[in-house]
C-alpha atoms as a PDB file:
ATOM      1  CA  MET A   1     105.060  36.421  35.122  1.00  0.00           C
ATOM      2  CA  ARG A   2     103.296  33.309  33.148  1.00  0.00           C
ATOM      3  CA  LYS A   3      99.847  32.990  32.563  1.00  0.00           C
ATOM      4  CA  THR A   4      97.462  31.914  34.897  1.00  0.00           C
ATOM      5  CA  VAL A   5      95.104  29.100  34.062  1.00  0.00           C
ATOM      6  CA  LYS A   6      91.675  28.014  34.779  1.00  0.00           C
ATOM      7  CA  PRO A   7      91.509  24.596  36.572  1.00  0.00           C
ATOM      8  CA  SER A   8      89.211  22.252  34.541  1.00  0.00           C
ATOM      9  CA  LEU A   9      86.231  20.632  36.409  1.00  0.00           C
ATOM     10  CA  GLY A  10      88.394  17.304  36.978  1.00  0.00           C
ATOM     11  CA  TYR A  11      91.583  19.308  38.004  1.00  0.00           C
ATOM     12  CA  SER A  12      89.754  20.800  40.831  1.00  0.00           C
ATOM     13  CA  ILE A  13      87.907  16.933  41.871  1.00  0.00           C
ATOM     14  CA  MET A  14      91.011  15.318  41.659  1.00  0.00           C
ATOM     15  CA  LEU A  15      92.488  18.279  44.106  1.00  0.00           C
ATOM     16  CA  VAL A  16      89.843  18.230  46.533  1.00  0.00           C
ATOM     17  CA  LEU A  17      89.637  13.574  46.394  1.00  0.00           C
ATOM     18  CA  LEU A  18      93.816  13.978  47.051  1.00  0.00           C
ATOM     19  CA  ALA A  19      92.949  16.355  49.563  1.00  0.00           C
ATOM     20  CA  VAL A  20      90.210  14.162  51.481  1.00  0.00           C
ATOM     21  CA  LEU A  21      92.881  11.327  50.811  1.00  0.00           C
ATOM     22  CA  MET A  22      95.768  12.665  52.550  1.00  0.00           C
ATOM     23  CA  ILE A  23      93.806  13.569  55.834  1.00  0.00           C
ATOM     24  CA  SER A  24      91.980  10.270  56.014  1.00  0.00           C
ATOM     25  CA  VAL A  25      95.048   8.266  55.255  1.00  0.00           C
ATOM     26  CA  GLY A  26      97.130  10.609  57.520  1.00  0.00           C
ATOM     27  CA  MET A  27      94.905  10.082  61.125  1.00  0.00           C
ATOM     28  CA  ILE A  28      93.863   6.253  60.493  1.00  0.00           C
ATOM     29  CA  ALA A  29      97.091   5.038  59.129  1.00  0.00           C
ATOM     30  CA  PHE A  30      99.488   7.255  60.933  1.00  0.00           C
ATOM     31  CA  LYS A  31      96.827   8.805  63.866  1.00  0.00           C
ATOM     32  CA  ALA A  32      97.966  11.824  63.046  1.00  0.00           C
ATOM     33  CA  SER A  33      96.154  14.683  64.423  1.00  0.00           C
ATOM     34  CA  ILE A  34      93.532  16.908  61.959  1.00  0.00           C
ATOM     35  CA  GLN A  35      95.633  19.941  62.085  1.00  0.00           C
ATOM     36  CA  ILE A  36      99.084  18.482  61.653  1.00  0.00           C
ATOM     37  CA  MET A  37      97.372  16.663  58.055  1.00  0.00           C
ATOM     38  CA  MET A  38      95.565  19.675  56.987  1.00  0.00           C
ATOM     39  CA  PHE A  39      98.580  21.549  56.837  1.00  0.00           C
ATOM     40  CA  ILE A  40     100.782  18.949  55.538  1.00  0.00           C
ATOM     41  CA  THR A  41      97.686  18.409  52.909  1.00  0.00           C
ATOM     42  CA  MET A  42      97.704  22.629  52.229  1.00  0.00           C
ATOM     43  CA  LEU A  43     101.981  21.944  51.533  1.00  0.00           C
ATOM     44  CA  SER A  44     101.056  19.438  49.289  1.00  0.00           C
ATOM     45  CA  ILE A  45      98.808  20.969  47.201  1.00  0.00           C
ATOM     46  CA  ILE A  46     100.645  24.477  46.606  1.00  0.00           C
ATOM     47  CA  PRO A  47     102.810  22.723  43.426  1.00  0.00           C
ATOM     48  CA  PHE A  48      99.496  21.596  41.993  1.00  0.00           C
ATOM     49  CA  VAL A  49      97.974  25.364  42.281  1.00  0.00           C
ATOM     50  CA  MET A  50     101.289  26.602  40.860  1.00  0.00           C
ATOM     51  CA  ARG A  51     101.618  24.064  37.780  1.00  0.00           C
ATOM     52  CA  LEU A  52      98.300  26.100  36.706  1.00  0.00           C
ATOM     53  CA  GLY A  53     100.335  29.190  36.603  1.00  0.00           C
ATOM     54  CA  TYR A  54      99.956  31.357  39.767  1.00  0.00           C
ATOM     55  CA  ASN A  55     103.189  32.294  41.952  1.00  0.00           C
ATOM     56  CA  TYR A  56     103.697  31.607  45.260  1.00  0.00           C
ATOM     57  CA  LYS A  57     103.018  35.081  46.478  1.00  0.00           C
ATOM     58  CA  GLN A  58      99.482  34.713  44.785  1.00  0.00           C
ATOM     59  CA  VAL A  59      98.761  31.233  46.710  1.00  0.00           C
ATOM     60  CA  GLU A  60      99.415  32.721  49.827  1.00  0.00           C
ATOM     61  CA  GLU A  61      97.237  35.791  49.330  1.00  0.00           C
ATOM     62  CA  PHE A  62      94.396  33.230  47.991  1.00  0.00           C
ATOM     63  CA  MET A  63      94.682  31.682  51.444  1.00  0.00           C
ATOM     64  CA  PHE A  64      94.622  34.640  53.695  1.00  0.00           C
ATOM     65  CA  SER A  65      91.579  35.802  52.375  1.00  0.00           C
ATOM     66  CA  MET A  66      89.832  32.630  52.736  1.00  0.00           C
ATOM     67  CA  MET A  67      91.358  32.931  56.144  1.00  0.00           C
ATOM     68  CA  GLY A  68      89.553  35.900  57.171  1.00  0.00           C
ATOM     69  CA  LYS A  69      86.504  34.778  54.895  1.00  0.00           C
ATOM     70  CA  VAL A  70      85.930  31.677  57.390  1.00  0.00           C
ATOM     71  CA  MET A  71      87.122  33.704  60.448  1.00  0.00           C
ATOM     72  CA  ASN A  72      83.399  34.976  61.398  1.00  0.00           C
ATOM     73  CA  PRO A  73      81.669  31.365  61.493  1.00  0.00           C
ATOM     74  CA  ILE A  74      84.824  30.465  63.524  1.00  0.00           C
ATOM     75  CA  LEU A  75      83.894  32.840  66.248  1.00  0.00           C
ATOM     76  CA  ILE A  76      80.263  32.639  66.064  1.00  0.00           C
ATOM     77  CA  ILE A  77      80.856  28.831  66.752  1.00  0.00           C
ATOM     78  CA  MET A  78      83.239  29.505  69.532  1.00  0.00           C
ATOM     79  CA  ALA A  79      80.845  32.012  71.073  1.00  0.00           C
ATOM     80  CA  VAL A  80      78.359  29.329  71.062  1.00  0.00           C
ATOM     81  CA  GLY A  81      80.601  27.011  72.882  1.00  0.00           C
ATOM     82  CA  ALA A  82      81.533  29.290  75.478  1.00  0.00           C
ATOM     83  CA  LEU A  83      77.578  30.153  76.108  1.00  0.00           C
ATOM     84  CA  ILE A  84      76.865  26.252  76.341  1.00  0.00           C
ATOM     85  CA  GLY A  85      80.127  25.810  78.649  1.00  0.00           C
ATOM     86  CA  ALA A  86      78.753  28.422  80.534  1.00  0.00           C
ATOM     87  CA  TRP A  87      75.132  27.615  81.204  1.00  0.00           C
ATOM     88  CA  ILE A  88      76.161  24.074  82.171  1.00  0.00           C
ATOM     89  CA  LEU A  89      79.394  24.997  84.782  1.00  0.00           C
ATOM     90  CA  ALA A  90      76.253  27.527  85.991  1.00  0.00           C
ATOM     91  CA  GLY A  91      73.899  24.735  86.548  1.00  0.00           C
ATOM     92  CA  THR A  92      71.492  26.280  84.369  1.00  0.00           C
ATOM     93  CA  VAL A  93      70.653  23.321  82.636  1.00  0.00           C
ATOM     94  CA  PRO A  94      69.991  21.544  85.573  1.00  0.00           C
ATOM     95  CA  THR A  95      68.017  23.867  87.120  1.00  0.00           C
ATOM     96  CA  MET A  96      66.252  24.259  83.732  1.00  0.00           C
ATOM     97  CA  ILE A  97      65.568  20.248  84.133  1.00  0.00           C
ATOM     98  CA  PHE A  98      64.579  20.448  88.150  1.00  0.00           C
ATOM     99  CA  TYR A  99      62.029  23.064  87.782  1.00  0.00           C
ATOM    100  CA  GLY A 100      61.137  22.030  84.295  1.00  0.00           C
ATOM    101  CA  LEU A 101      60.104  18.943  85.559  1.00  0.00           C
ATOM    102  CA  LYS A 102      57.742  20.352  88.117  1.00  0.00           C
ATOM    103  CA  LEU A 103      56.281  23.095  85.848  1.00  0.00           C
ATOM    104  CA  VAL A 104      55.665  20.615  82.775  1.00  0.00           C
ATOM    105  CA  SER A 105      52.991  17.906  82.565  1.00  0.00           C
ATOM    106  CA  PRO A 106      53.668  15.459  80.109  1.00  0.00           C
ATOM    107  CA  GLU A 107      51.005  15.953  77.605  1.00  0.00           C
ATOM    108  CA  PHE A 108      52.217  19.325  77.049  1.00  0.00           C
ATOM    109  CA  PHE A 109      55.475  18.788  77.104  1.00  0.00           C
ATOM    110  CA  LEU A 110      56.323  18.704  73.284  1.00  0.00           C
ATOM    111  CA  LEU A 111      54.222  22.437  72.457  1.00  0.00           C
ATOM    112  CA  THR A 112      56.028  24.006  75.720  1.00  0.00           C
ATOM    113  CA  SER A 113      59.635  22.529  74.459  1.00  0.00           C
ATOM    114  CA  LEU A 114      58.893  24.742  71.232  1.00  0.00           C
ATOM    115  CA  LEU A 115      57.781  27.160  72.656  1.00  0.00           C
ATOM    116  CA  PHE A 116      60.478  27.498  74.981  1.00  0.00           C
ATOM    117  CA  CYS A 117      63.159  26.636  72.788  1.00  0.00           C
ATOM    118  CA  SER A 118      61.693  29.905  70.306  1.00  0.00           C
ATOM    119  CA  ILE A 119      62.069  31.968  73.073  1.00  0.00           C
ATOM    120  CA  VAL A 120      65.354  30.661  74.483  1.00  0.00           C
ATOM    121  CA  SER A 121      66.435  30.877  70.442  1.00  0.00           C
ATOM    122  CA  LEU A 122      65.416  34.613  69.976  1.00  0.00           C
ATOM    123  CA  GLY A 123      67.039  35.704  73.385  1.00  0.00           C
ATOM    124  CA  THR A 124      70.504  34.315  72.593  1.00  0.00           C
ATOM    125  CA  GLY A 125      70.723  34.847  68.810  1.00  0.00           C
ATOM    126  CA  THR A 126      71.424  31.130  67.941  1.00  0.00           C
ATOM    127  CA  SER A 127      69.453  27.960  67.087  1.00  0.00           C
ATOM    128  CA  PHE A 128      73.238  26.228  68.019  1.00  0.00           C
ATOM    129  CA  GLY A 129      72.937  27.583  71.633  1.00  0.00           C
ATOM    130  CA  THR A 130      69.592  26.653  72.059  1.00  0.00           C
ATOM    131  CA  MET A 131      70.077  23.121  71.183  1.00  0.00           C
ATOM    132  CA  GLY A 132      73.229  22.880  73.486  1.00  0.00           C
ATOM    133  CA  THR A 133      71.503  24.673  76.339  1.00  0.00           C
ATOM    134  CA  ALA A 134      67.964  24.466  76.390  1.00  0.00           C
ATOM    135  CA  GLY A 135      67.768  21.388  74.294  1.00  0.00           C
ATOM    136  CA  LEU A 136      70.321  19.463  76.391  1.00  0.00           C
ATOM    137  CA  ALA A 137      67.416  20.527  79.246  1.00  0.00           C
ATOM    138  CA  LEU A 138      64.531  19.309  77.589  1.00  0.00           C
ATOM    139  CA  ILE A 139      65.991  16.296  76.235  1.00  0.00           C
ATOM    140  CA  GLY A 140      66.265  14.760  79.958  1.00  0.00           C
ATOM    141  CA  MET A 141      63.335  16.473  80.825  1.00  0.00           C
ATOM    142  CA  GLY A 142      61.801  13.967  78.099  1.00  0.00           C
ATOM    143  CA  HIS A 143      63.505  11.049  78.849  1.00  0.00           C
ATOM    144  CA  VAL A 144      62.167  11.176  82.781  1.00  0.00           C
ATOM    145  CA  LEU A 145      58.636  12.658  81.865  1.00  0.00           C
ATOM    146  CA  GLY A 146      58.856   8.937  79.295  1.00  0.00           C
ATOM    147  CA  VAL A 147      58.303  11.020  75.956  1.00  0.00           C
ATOM    148  CA  PRO A 148      58.787   8.632  72.887  1.00  0.00           C
ATOM    149  CA  ARG A 149      61.981   9.705  71.121  1.00  0.00           C
ATOM    150  CA  GLU A 150      59.986   8.372  67.946  1.00  0.00           C
END
């Protein structure tokens, strides 16, 4: 078994730039999907990593360990997307706009928005879900009430 070498900063930067370039060119010039370009880029980077002394089995283990680390954020993003979709399909967002226009006066709109978003965020446990649901409704309300955007 060969001795493994830690990559230099220049080598690491070169690999990141190569990956970004390959994905960008593939998506722009060839209209390829990002998934295909990431797969091709991964296959292209493997020889550079093996040049540092790692065998394919070690590279494969690195990839699987990294995939395991990103699964929790991916699942959170999927759950938030499902929450946003469910609220929109169920009519919750239009209902919030309808009743919000009846209950909130323009002079207290920003304060009410702050309090409402805080409560929704605490209830759902996600600030992204709040932006996609209550925030969407409040943007519609603000537009109708004439609240300036700047």
